Structure formats: C-alpha cells, structure tokens
C-alpha cells in the first residue's frame, strides 16, 4: 500500500489548459469573496496560517505546545521560548503570508504536473497538525480536511485530482489578501489588539498598520505571480486578439 501511495503522490498529470484554469480561478473568486463561501474557505486558510506559525516556530528553535482552531475561523498557535527577539518576530510574522506563499508554491508544482503531490502534502500537513491540536473543534477541522483530501486523492481520476488541486491553490491565493482586509477591518473596530500585526508592533516598535501593509503586499504579489503560473497562456492569447 505504501508503494501505491508513493506512486500516486509522485505521479504527474499534464497541467490544465489556461482556459480551464482561468475558469476554476473565477469559480474560486466567487467562493472566496462571497460571505458564505469565504467562511468555508477561511477554515483552510486558518489551518495553513497556523501551520505557518508552527513551522517557523520550530525552525527558530521554539517549543510548540498547542494549536487551536475555532468555529469563528480564528486560530492560535502557542509556543515556548524567548518572548522577544528575531525568533519571536519571525514566528508571529509567518501567519498571514503562509497561505499566499503556499498558494504560490502550489502554482509552481501544478506547472510541473504535480497536482497529486500538492494534495498529499496537504494531507501530511493535517496529519502533523493532529499531534498539536488541543481543542475538539480544531481536531474536527483537521480530521475532516485531511480525510476528504486523502479520499479524493486516492479514489478520483487524474483529471479530478488536477481540478481539485487547482481549486485549492486558487482559493489560497485569492483568500489570503481578503484575510488581510478582514484583519484591518477588525483593527478599525478596535477588536484587533491581539492580532498578529499588533503583536508585531509591540515586539518591534513598528506601527501595526505597517505590518498590515507588509502582509498585503506579500499576499498580493503571491496572487499575481501565482496567477501568471496558473494561466501562462492568457497574455499570449490576449495579444493575439489585439488589432
């Protein structure tokens, strides 16, 4: 079974045509920027957001103690170590850019035909997070996400696997900037005192709004770069239509 799993995870599928990819991107746009759809996608974004905190915390030598995902789509990652310094700054900074950067990396993988590898990497991420999640709702979110993606990756045809991978990448790229918009809205309502941007302001002395701007620039840049990878032929097609 492990041999079959490895074979599926490392198999390649031809990248989708730019027309199909663009259609999937428009579908993802409708979902991620609608109130109900965004709430669903936000669970995935929060999962990747907290995974970003956890990964960087581990890389800088902090000890991870807990991850919690909540029903309002918020989350928190708890780690132990120095309360200040570059390691703490890097850990806090990692959250909001994580979904955008994962989406960008995913677009590069899809361009090489590794749609299945992308989905199995998401399954592996969920499996690792199960070791750290410390609340029932978080366990439910991680289990459902991992089980659903694993089932689809194992049973679906290569075409469906590719389509699902493209949707996941588009959703991450499109939802990441919106999460930054939501962050700033919450801060304007004076309910964002514990946000990542406000924590970074306390750690560095740089105003929180500057950190919000940094998050936005990273997410917007990832969307542009990832979009050019997902629809590489659109510029040529539009040029051919020009008089």
C-alpha atoms as a PDB file:
ATOM      1  CA  UNK A   1       0.000   0.000   0.000  1.00  0.00           C
ATOM      2  CA  UNK A   2       2.844   2.379   0.817  1.00  0.00           C
ATOM      3  CA  UNK A   3       4.287   1.737  -2.632  1.00  0.00           C
ATOM      4  CA  UNK A   4       0.925   2.551  -4.229  1.00  0.00           C
ATOM      5  CA  UNK A   5       0.619   5.684  -2.088  1.00  0.00           C
ATOM      6  CA  UNK A   6       4.095   6.862  -3.042  1.00  0.00           C
ATOM      7  CA  UNK A   7       3.324   6.170  -6.683  1.00  0.00           C
ATOM      8  CA  UNK A   8       0.156   8.239  -6.544  1.00  0.00           C
ATOM      9  CA  UNK A   9       1.817  11.096  -4.668  1.00  0.00           C
ATOM     10  CA  UNK A  10       4.727  11.321  -7.105  1.00  0.00           C
ATOM     11  CA  UNK A  11       2.757  10.755 -10.305  1.00  0.00           C
ATOM     12  CA  UNK A  12       2.416  13.659 -12.712  1.00  0.00           C
ATOM     13  CA  UNK A  13      -0.561  14.936 -14.635  1.00  0.00           C
ATOM     14  CA  UNK A  14      -0.444  17.357 -17.568  1.00  0.00           C
ATOM     15  CA  UNK A  15      -1.166  20.926 -16.412  1.00  0.00           C
ATOM     16  CA  UNK A  16      -4.672  22.118 -17.210  1.00  0.00           C
ATOM     17  CA  UNK A  17      -5.146  24.454 -20.148  1.00  0.00           C
ATOM     18  CA  UNK A  18      -5.136  28.114 -19.229  1.00  0.00           C
ATOM     19  CA  UNK A  19      -8.793  28.381 -20.188  1.00  0.00           C
ATOM     20  CA  UNK A  20      -9.827  25.671 -17.706  1.00  0.00           C
ATOM     21  CA  UNK A  21      -7.511  27.074 -15.044  1.00  0.00           C
ATOM     22  CA  UNK A  22      -8.973  30.545 -15.521  1.00  0.00           C
ATOM     23  CA  UNK A  23     -12.494  29.146 -15.209  1.00  0.00           C
ATOM     24  CA  UNK A  24     -11.543  27.415 -11.964  1.00  0.00           C
ATOM     25  CA  UNK A  25      -9.964  30.666 -10.777  1.00  0.00           C
ATOM     26  CA  UNK A  26     -13.203  32.560 -11.451  1.00  0.00           C
ATOM     27  CA  UNK A  27     -15.114  29.898  -9.524  1.00  0.00           C
ATOM     28  CA  UNK A  28     -12.694  30.244  -6.620  1.00  0.00           C
ATOM     29  CA  UNK A  29     -13.050  34.034  -6.778  1.00  0.00           C
ATOM     30  CA  UNK A  30     -16.825  33.811  -6.443  1.00  0.00           C
ATOM     31  CA  UNK A  31     -16.495  31.433  -3.499  1.00  0.00           C
ATOM     32  CA  UNK A  32     -13.724  33.224  -1.616  1.00  0.00           C
ATOM     33  CA  UNK A  33     -15.260  36.680  -1.948  1.00  0.00           C
ATOM     34  CA  UNK A  34     -18.825  35.680  -1.052  1.00  0.00           C
ATOM     35  CA  UNK A  35     -19.791  35.742   2.649  1.00  0.00           C
ATOM     36  CA  UNK A  36     -20.791  32.072   2.933  1.00  0.00           C
ATOM     37  CA  UNK A  37     -18.068  30.756   0.645  1.00  0.00           C
ATOM     38  CA  UNK A  38     -15.345  32.735   2.353  1.00  0.00           C
ATOM     39  CA  UNK A  39     -16.357  31.354   5.736  1.00  0.00           C
ATOM     40  CA  UNK A  40     -15.834  27.822   4.403  1.00  0.00           C
ATOM     41  CA  UNK A  41     -12.530  28.616   2.699  1.00  0.00           C
ATOM     42  CA  UNK A  42     -11.401  30.530   5.757  1.00  0.00           C
ATOM     43  CA  UNK A  43     -11.096  27.262   7.691  1.00  0.00           C
ATOM     44  CA  UNK A  44      -8.483  26.075   5.184  1.00  0.00           C
ATOM     45  CA  UNK A  45      -6.752  29.462   5.259  1.00  0.00           C
ATOM     46  CA  UNK A  46      -6.623  29.410   9.066  1.00  0.00           C
ATOM     47  CA  UNK A  47      -5.254  25.872   9.031  1.00  0.00           C
ATOM     48  CA  UNK A  48      -2.401  26.937   6.732  1.00  0.00           C
ATOM     49  CA  UNK A  49      -1.971  30.193   8.696  1.00  0.00           C
ATOM     50  CA  UNK A  50      -1.419  28.303  11.954  1.00  0.00           C
ATOM     51  CA  UNK A  51       0.781  25.728  10.203  1.00  0.00           C
ATOM     52  CA  UNK A  52       2.947  28.656   9.081  1.00  0.00           C
ATOM     53  CA  UNK A  53       3.315  29.868  12.672  1.00  0.00           C
ATOM     54  CA  UNK A  54       4.134  26.331  13.814  1.00  0.00           C
ATOM     55  CA  UNK A  55       6.710  25.652  11.101  1.00  0.00           C
ATOM     56  CA  UNK A  56       8.629  28.860  11.674  1.00  0.00           C
ATOM     57  CA  UNK A  57       8.452  28.440  15.450  1.00  0.00           C
ATOM     58  CA  UNK A  58      10.054  25.011  15.096  1.00  0.00           C
ATOM     59  CA  UNK A  59      12.681  26.330  12.670  1.00  0.00           C
ATOM     60  CA  UNK A  60      13.785  29.089  15.056  1.00  0.00           C
ATOM     61  CA  UNK A  61      14.033  26.688  17.981  1.00  0.00           C
ATOM     62  CA  UNK A  62      10.835  27.439  19.862  1.00  0.00           C
ATOM     63  CA  UNK A  63       8.940  24.582  21.519  1.00  0.00           C
ATOM     64  CA  UNK A  64       5.436  24.080  20.159  1.00  0.00           C
ATOM     65  CA  UNK A  65       2.821  23.315  22.799  1.00  0.00           C
ATOM     66  CA  UNK A  66      -0.601  23.747  21.174  1.00  0.00           C
ATOM     67  CA  UNK A  67      -2.596  24.725  18.109  1.00  0.00           C
ATOM     68  CA  UNK A  68      -6.273  25.644  18.406  1.00  0.00           C
ATOM     69  CA  UNK A  69      -8.760  26.237  15.592  1.00  0.00           C
ATOM     70  CA  UNK A  70     -12.091  27.816  16.493  1.00  0.00           C
ATOM     71  CA  UNK A  71     -15.564  27.788  14.974  1.00  0.00           C
ATOM     72  CA  UNK A  72     -15.366  31.512  14.162  1.00  0.00           C
ATOM     73  CA  UNK A  73     -12.452  30.578  11.814  1.00  0.00           C
ATOM     74  CA  UNK A  74      -9.856  32.110  14.140  1.00  0.00           C
ATOM     75  CA  UNK A  75      -6.903  30.162  15.468  1.00  0.00           C
ATOM     76  CA  UNK A  76      -3.914  30.351  17.768  1.00  0.00           C
ATOM     77  CA  UNK A  77      -0.526  28.653  17.924  1.00  0.00           C
ATOM     78  CA  UNK A  78       1.223  28.511  21.296  1.00  0.00           C
ATOM     79  CA  UNK A  79       4.975  28.040  21.567  1.00  0.00           C
ATOM     80  CA  UNK A  80       7.536  28.479  24.308  1.00  0.00           C
ATOM     81  CA  UNK A  81      10.811  30.320  24.080  1.00  0.00           C
ATOM     82  CA  UNK A  82      12.174  33.827  24.353  1.00  0.00           C
ATOM     83  CA  UNK A  83       9.244  36.284  24.499  1.00  0.00           C
ATOM     84  CA  UNK A  84      11.096  38.776  22.319  1.00  0.00           C
ATOM     85  CA  UNK A  85      13.795  38.770  19.657  1.00  0.00           C
ATOM     86  CA  UNK A  86      14.091  37.753  15.991  1.00  0.00           C
ATOM     87  CA  UNK A  87      12.737  34.244  16.567  1.00  0.00           C
ATOM     88  CA  UNK A  88       9.512  35.509  18.099  1.00  0.00           C
ATOM     89  CA  UNK A  89       9.134  38.162  15.398  1.00  0.00           C
ATOM     90  CA  UNK A  90       9.602  35.566  12.651  1.00  0.00           C
ATOM     91  CA  UNK A  91       7.072  33.249  14.306  1.00  0.00           C
ATOM     92  CA  UNK A  92       4.379  35.923  14.538  1.00  0.00           C
ATOM     93  CA  UNK A  93       5.175  37.261  11.066  1.00  0.00           C
ATOM     94  CA  UNK A  94       4.720  33.889   9.380  1.00  0.00           C
ATOM     95  CA  UNK A  95       0.963  33.512   9.756  1.00  0.00           C
ATOM     96  CA  UNK A  96      -0.715  35.812   7.250  1.00  0.00           C
ATOM     97  CA  UNK A  97       1.784  35.296   4.403  1.00  0.00           C
ATOM     98  CA  UNK A  98       1.673  31.493   4.796  1.00  0.00           C
ATOM     99  CA  UNK A  99      -1.491  30.783   2.729  1.00  0.00           C
ATOM    100  CA  UNK A 100      -0.299  33.082  -0.051  1.00  0.00           C
ATOM    101  CA  UNK A 101       3.181  31.563  -0.157  1.00  0.00           C
ATOM    102  CA  UNK A 102       1.774  28.035  -0.060  1.00  0.00           C
ATOM    103  CA  UNK A 103      -0.513  29.012  -2.929  1.00  0.00           C
ATOM    104  CA  UNK A 104       2.438  30.378  -4.882  1.00  0.00           C
ATOM    105  CA  UNK A 105       4.478  27.223  -4.269  1.00  0.00           C
ATOM    106  CA  UNK A 106       1.439  25.198  -5.276  1.00  0.00           C
ATOM    107  CA  UNK A 107       1.132  27.068  -8.565  1.00  0.00           C
ATOM    108  CA  UNK A 108       4.750  26.161  -9.353  1.00  0.00           C
ATOM    109  CA  UNK A 109       4.076  22.499  -8.540  1.00  0.00           C
ATOM    110  CA  UNK A 110       0.986  22.483 -10.741  1.00  0.00           C
ATOM    111  CA  UNK A 111       3.010  23.925 -13.605  1.00  0.00           C
ATOM    112  CA  UNK A 112       5.249  20.863 -13.339  1.00  0.00           C
ATOM    113  CA  UNK A 113       2.288  18.484 -13.210  1.00  0.00           C
ATOM    114  CA  UNK A 114       2.487  17.586  -9.514  1.00  0.00           C
ATOM    115  CA  UNK A 115      -1.167  18.085  -8.629  1.00  0.00           C
ATOM    116  CA  UNK A 116      -1.348  14.841  -6.634  1.00  0.00           C
ATOM    117  CA  UNK A 117       1.808  15.719  -4.685  1.00  0.00           C
ATOM    118  CA  UNK A 118       0.252  19.028  -3.692  1.00  0.00           C
ATOM    119  CA  UNK A 119      -2.856  17.369  -2.288  1.00  0.00           C
ATOM    120  CA  UNK A 120      -0.900  14.673  -0.453  1.00  0.00           C
ATOM    121  CA  UNK A 121       1.309  17.384   1.058  1.00  0.00           C
ATOM    122  CA  UNK A 122      -1.875  18.937   2.455  1.00  0.00           C
ATOM    123  CA  UNK A 123      -2.842  15.541   3.904  1.00  0.00           C
ATOM    124  CA  UNK A 124       0.599  15.232   5.526  1.00  0.00           C
ATOM    125  CA  UNK A 125       0.242  18.724   6.985  1.00  0.00           C
ATOM    126  CA  UNK A 126      -3.088  17.754   8.541  1.00  0.00           C
ATOM    127  CA  UNK A 127      -1.557  14.575   9.973  1.00  0.00           C
ATOM    128  CA  UNK A 128       1.272  16.524  11.611  1.00  0.00           C
ATOM    129  CA  UNK A 129      -1.120  19.135  12.982  1.00  0.00           C
ATOM    130  CA  UNK A 130      -3.165  16.410  14.673  1.00  0.00           C
ATOM    131  CA  UNK A 131      -0.219  15.943  17.026  1.00  0.00           C
ATOM    132  CA  UNK A 132      -0.507  19.554  18.191  1.00  0.00           C
ATOM    133  CA  UNK A 133      -4.199  20.468  18.028  1.00  0.00           C
ATOM    134  CA  UNK A 134      -5.592  20.806  21.542  1.00  0.00           C
ATOM    135  CA  UNK A 135      -9.317  21.522  21.079  1.00  0.00           C
ATOM    136  CA  UNK A 136     -12.162  19.374  19.759  1.00  0.00           C
ATOM    137  CA  UNK A 137     -13.266  21.769  17.038  1.00  0.00           C
ATOM    138  CA  UNK A 138      -9.722  22.024  15.758  1.00  0.00           C
ATOM    139  CA  UNK A 139      -9.433  18.243  15.701  1.00  0.00           C
ATOM    140  CA  UNK A 140     -12.652  18.040  13.724  1.00  0.00           C
ATOM    141  CA  UNK A 141     -11.493  20.599  11.146  1.00  0.00           C
ATOM    142  CA  UNK A 142      -8.111  18.933  10.646  1.00  0.00           C
ATOM    143  CA  UNK A 143      -9.561  15.416  10.509  1.00  0.00           C
ATOM    144  CA  UNK A 144     -12.312  16.307   8.035  1.00  0.00           C
ATOM    145  CA  UNK A 145      -9.939  18.272   5.817  1.00  0.00           C
ATOM    146  CA  UNK A 146      -7.271  15.582   5.795  1.00  0.00           C
ATOM    147  CA  UNK A 147      -9.726  12.715   5.307  1.00  0.00           C
ATOM    148  CA  UNK A 148     -11.580  14.478   2.497  1.00  0.00           C
ATOM    149  CA  UNK A 149      -8.425  15.363   0.584  1.00  0.00           C
ATOM    150  CA  UNK A 150      -6.922  11.900   1.121  1.00  0.00           C
ATOM    151  CA  UNK A 151     -10.094  10.172  -0.108  1.00  0.00           C
ATOM    152  CA  UNK A 152     -10.276  12.361  -3.185  1.00  0.00           C
ATOM    153  CA  UNK A 153      -6.576  11.911  -3.950  1.00  0.00           C
ATOM    154  CA  UNK A 154      -6.827   8.126  -3.581  1.00  0.00           C
ATOM    155  CA  UNK A 155     -10.061   7.491  -5.485  1.00  0.00           C
ATOM    156  CA  UNK A 156     -10.507  10.256  -8.056  1.00  0.00           C
ATOM    157  CA  UNK A 157      -9.327  10.263 -11.644  1.00  0.00           C
ATOM    158  CA  UNK A 158      -6.198  12.270 -12.561  1.00  0.00           C
ATOM    159  CA  UNK A 159      -8.388  14.943 -14.163  1.00  0.00           C
ATOM    160  CA  UNK A 160     -10.434  15.406 -10.984  1.00  0.00           C
ATOM    161  CA  UNK A 161      -7.274  15.436  -8.848  1.00  0.00           C
ATOM    162  CA  UNK A 162      -5.830  18.170 -11.054  1.00  0.00           C
ATOM    163  CA  UNK A 163      -9.031  20.214 -10.911  1.00  0.00           C
ATOM    164  CA  UNK A 164      -9.201  19.920  -7.124  1.00  0.00           C
ATOM    165  CA  UNK A 165      -5.560  20.945  -6.742  1.00  0.00           C
ATOM    166  CA  UNK A 166      -6.073  23.995  -8.948  1.00  0.00           C
ATOM    167  CA  UNK A 167      -9.126  24.996  -6.905  1.00  0.00           C
ATOM    168  CA  UNK A 168      -7.179  24.684  -3.644  1.00  0.00           C
ATOM    169  CA  UNK A 169      -4.322  26.815  -4.971  1.00  0.00           C
ATOM    170  CA  UNK A 170      -6.629  29.455  -6.418  1.00  0.00           C
ATOM    171  CA  UNK A 171      -8.598  29.553  -3.161  1.00  0.00           C
ATOM    172  CA  UNK A 172      -5.445  30.112  -1.090  1.00  0.00           C
ATOM    173  CA  UNK A 173      -4.117  32.796  -3.420  1.00  0.00           C
ATOM    174  CA  UNK A 174      -7.433  34.665  -3.542  1.00  0.00           C
ATOM    175  CA  UNK A 175      -8.418  34.273   0.104  1.00  0.00           C
ATOM    176  CA  UNK A 176      -5.060  35.370   1.512  1.00  0.00           C
ATOM    177  CA  UNK A 177      -5.474  39.065   0.562  1.00  0.00           C
ATOM    178  CA  UNK A 178      -9.047  39.028   1.834  1.00  0.00           C
ATOM    179  CA  UNK A 179      -7.895  37.739   5.219  1.00  0.00           C
ATOM    180  CA  UNK A 180      -5.617  40.784   5.451  1.00  0.00           C
ATOM    181  CA  UNK A 181      -8.563  43.053   4.584  1.00  0.00           C
ATOM    182  CA  UNK A 182     -10.582  41.389   7.344  1.00  0.00           C
ATOM    183  CA  UNK A 183      -7.675  41.874   9.746  1.00  0.00           C
ATOM    184  CA  UNK A 184      -7.628  45.624   9.149  1.00  0.00           C
ATOM    185  CA  UNK A 185     -11.403  45.851   9.470  1.00  0.00           C
ATOM    186  CA  UNK A 186     -11.230  44.177  12.850  1.00  0.00           C
ATOM    187  CA  UNK A 187      -8.465  46.522  13.933  1.00  0.00           C
ATOM    188  CA  UNK A 188     -10.563  49.544  12.932  1.00  0.00           C
ATOM    189  CA  UNK A 189     -13.342  48.223  15.144  1.00  0.00           C
ATOM    190  CA  UNK A 190     -10.793  48.219  17.998  1.00  0.00           C
ATOM    191  CA  UNK A 191     -11.089  44.482  18.415  1.00  0.00           C
ATOM    192  CA  UNK A 192      -7.709  43.599  16.959  1.00  0.00           C
ATOM    193  CA  UNK A 193      -5.446  44.318  19.935  1.00  0.00           C
ATOM    194  CA  UNK A 194      -4.220  40.736  19.964  1.00  0.00           C
ATOM    195  CA  UNK A 195      -3.806  40.367  16.204  1.00  0.00           C
ATOM    196  CA  UNK A 196      -0.525  39.355  14.603  1.00  0.00           C
ATOM    197  CA  UNK A 197       0.012  42.928  13.387  1.00  0.00           C
ATOM    198  CA  UNK A 198      -0.479  44.342  16.883  1.00  0.00           C
ATOM    199  CA  UNK A 199       1.828  41.744  18.399  1.00  0.00           C
ATOM    200  CA  UNK A 200       4.488  42.638  15.832  1.00  0.00           C
ATOM    201  CA  UNK A 201       4.035  46.316  16.686  1.00  0.00           C
ATOM    202  CA  UNK A 202       4.695  45.583  20.359  1.00  0.00           C
ATOM    203  CA  UNK A 203       7.705  43.400  19.523  1.00  0.00           C
ATOM    204  CA  UNK A 204       9.359  45.771  17.050  1.00  0.00           C
ATOM    205  CA  UNK A 205       8.018  49.266  17.679  1.00  0.00           C
ATOM    206  CA  UNK A 206       6.894  49.443  14.030  1.00  0.00           C
ATOM    207  CA  UNK A 207       3.216  50.517  13.780  1.00  0.00           C
ATOM    208  CA  UNK A 208       0.716  47.727  13.268  1.00  0.00           C
ATOM    209  CA  UNK A 209      -0.657  49.325  10.109  1.00  0.00           C
ATOM    210  CA  UNK A 210       2.784  48.947   8.522  1.00  0.00           C
ATOM    211  CA  UNK A 211       2.718  45.238   9.243  1.00  0.00           C
ATOM    212  CA  UNK A 212      -0.765  45.016   7.744  1.00  0.00           C
ATOM    213  CA  UNK A 213       0.703  46.665   4.645  1.00  0.00           C
ATOM    214  CA  UNK A 214       3.535  44.115   4.579  1.00  0.00           C
ATOM    215  CA  UNK A 215       1.009  41.269   4.787  1.00  0.00           C
ATOM    216  CA  UNK A 216      -0.999  42.800   1.944  1.00  0.00           C
ATOM    217  CA  UNK A 217       1.993  43.320  -0.341  1.00  0.00           C
ATOM    218  CA  UNK A 218       3.188  39.734   0.153  1.00  0.00           C
ATOM    219  CA  UNK A 219      -0.278  38.284  -0.460  1.00  0.00           C
ATOM    220  CA  UNK A 220      -0.942  40.494  -3.493  1.00  0.00           C
ATOM    221  CA  UNK A 221       2.460  39.698  -5.002  1.00  0.00           C
ATOM    222  CA  UNK A 222       1.895  35.973  -4.482  1.00  0.00           C
ATOM    223  CA  UNK A 223      -1.506  36.250  -6.184  1.00  0.00           C
ATOM    224  CA  UNK A 224      -0.019  37.988  -9.215  1.00  0.00           C
ATOM    225  CA  UNK A 225       2.938  35.629  -9.519  1.00  0.00           C
ATOM    226  CA  UNK A 226       0.838  32.556  -8.836  1.00  0.00           C
ATOM    227  CA  UNK A 227      -1.790  33.688 -11.321  1.00  0.00           C
ATOM    228  CA  UNK A 228       0.783  34.006 -14.081  1.00  0.00           C
ATOM    229  CA  UNK A 229       1.828  30.414 -13.367  1.00  0.00           C
ATOM    230  CA  UNK A 230      -1.742  29.118 -13.375  1.00  0.00           C
ATOM    231  CA  UNK A 231      -2.784  30.870 -16.597  1.00  0.00           C
ATOM    232  CA  UNK A 232       0.519  31.142 -18.506  1.00  0.00           C
ATOM    233  CA  UNK A 233      -1.102  31.367 -21.925  1.00  0.00           C
ATOM    234  CA  UNK A 234      -3.568  34.162 -21.298  1.00  0.00           C
ATOM    235  CA  UNK A 235      -1.181  37.009 -22.142  1.00  0.00           C
ATOM    236  CA  UNK A 236      -0.314  35.415 -25.482  1.00  0.00           C
ATOM    237  CA  UNK A 237      -3.983  34.744 -26.223  1.00  0.00           C
ATOM    238  CA  UNK A 238      -4.974  38.342 -25.445  1.00  0.00           C
ATOM    239  CA  UNK A 239      -2.109  39.657 -27.566  1.00  0.00           C
ATOM    240  CA  UNK A 240      -3.367  37.581 -30.461  1.00  0.00           C
ATOM    241  CA  UNK A 241      -6.808  39.178 -30.169  1.00  0.00           C
ATOM    242  CA  UNK A 242      -5.392  42.710 -30.283  1.00  0.00           C
ATOM    243  CA  UNK A 243      -5.830  44.554 -33.620  1.00  0.00           C
END
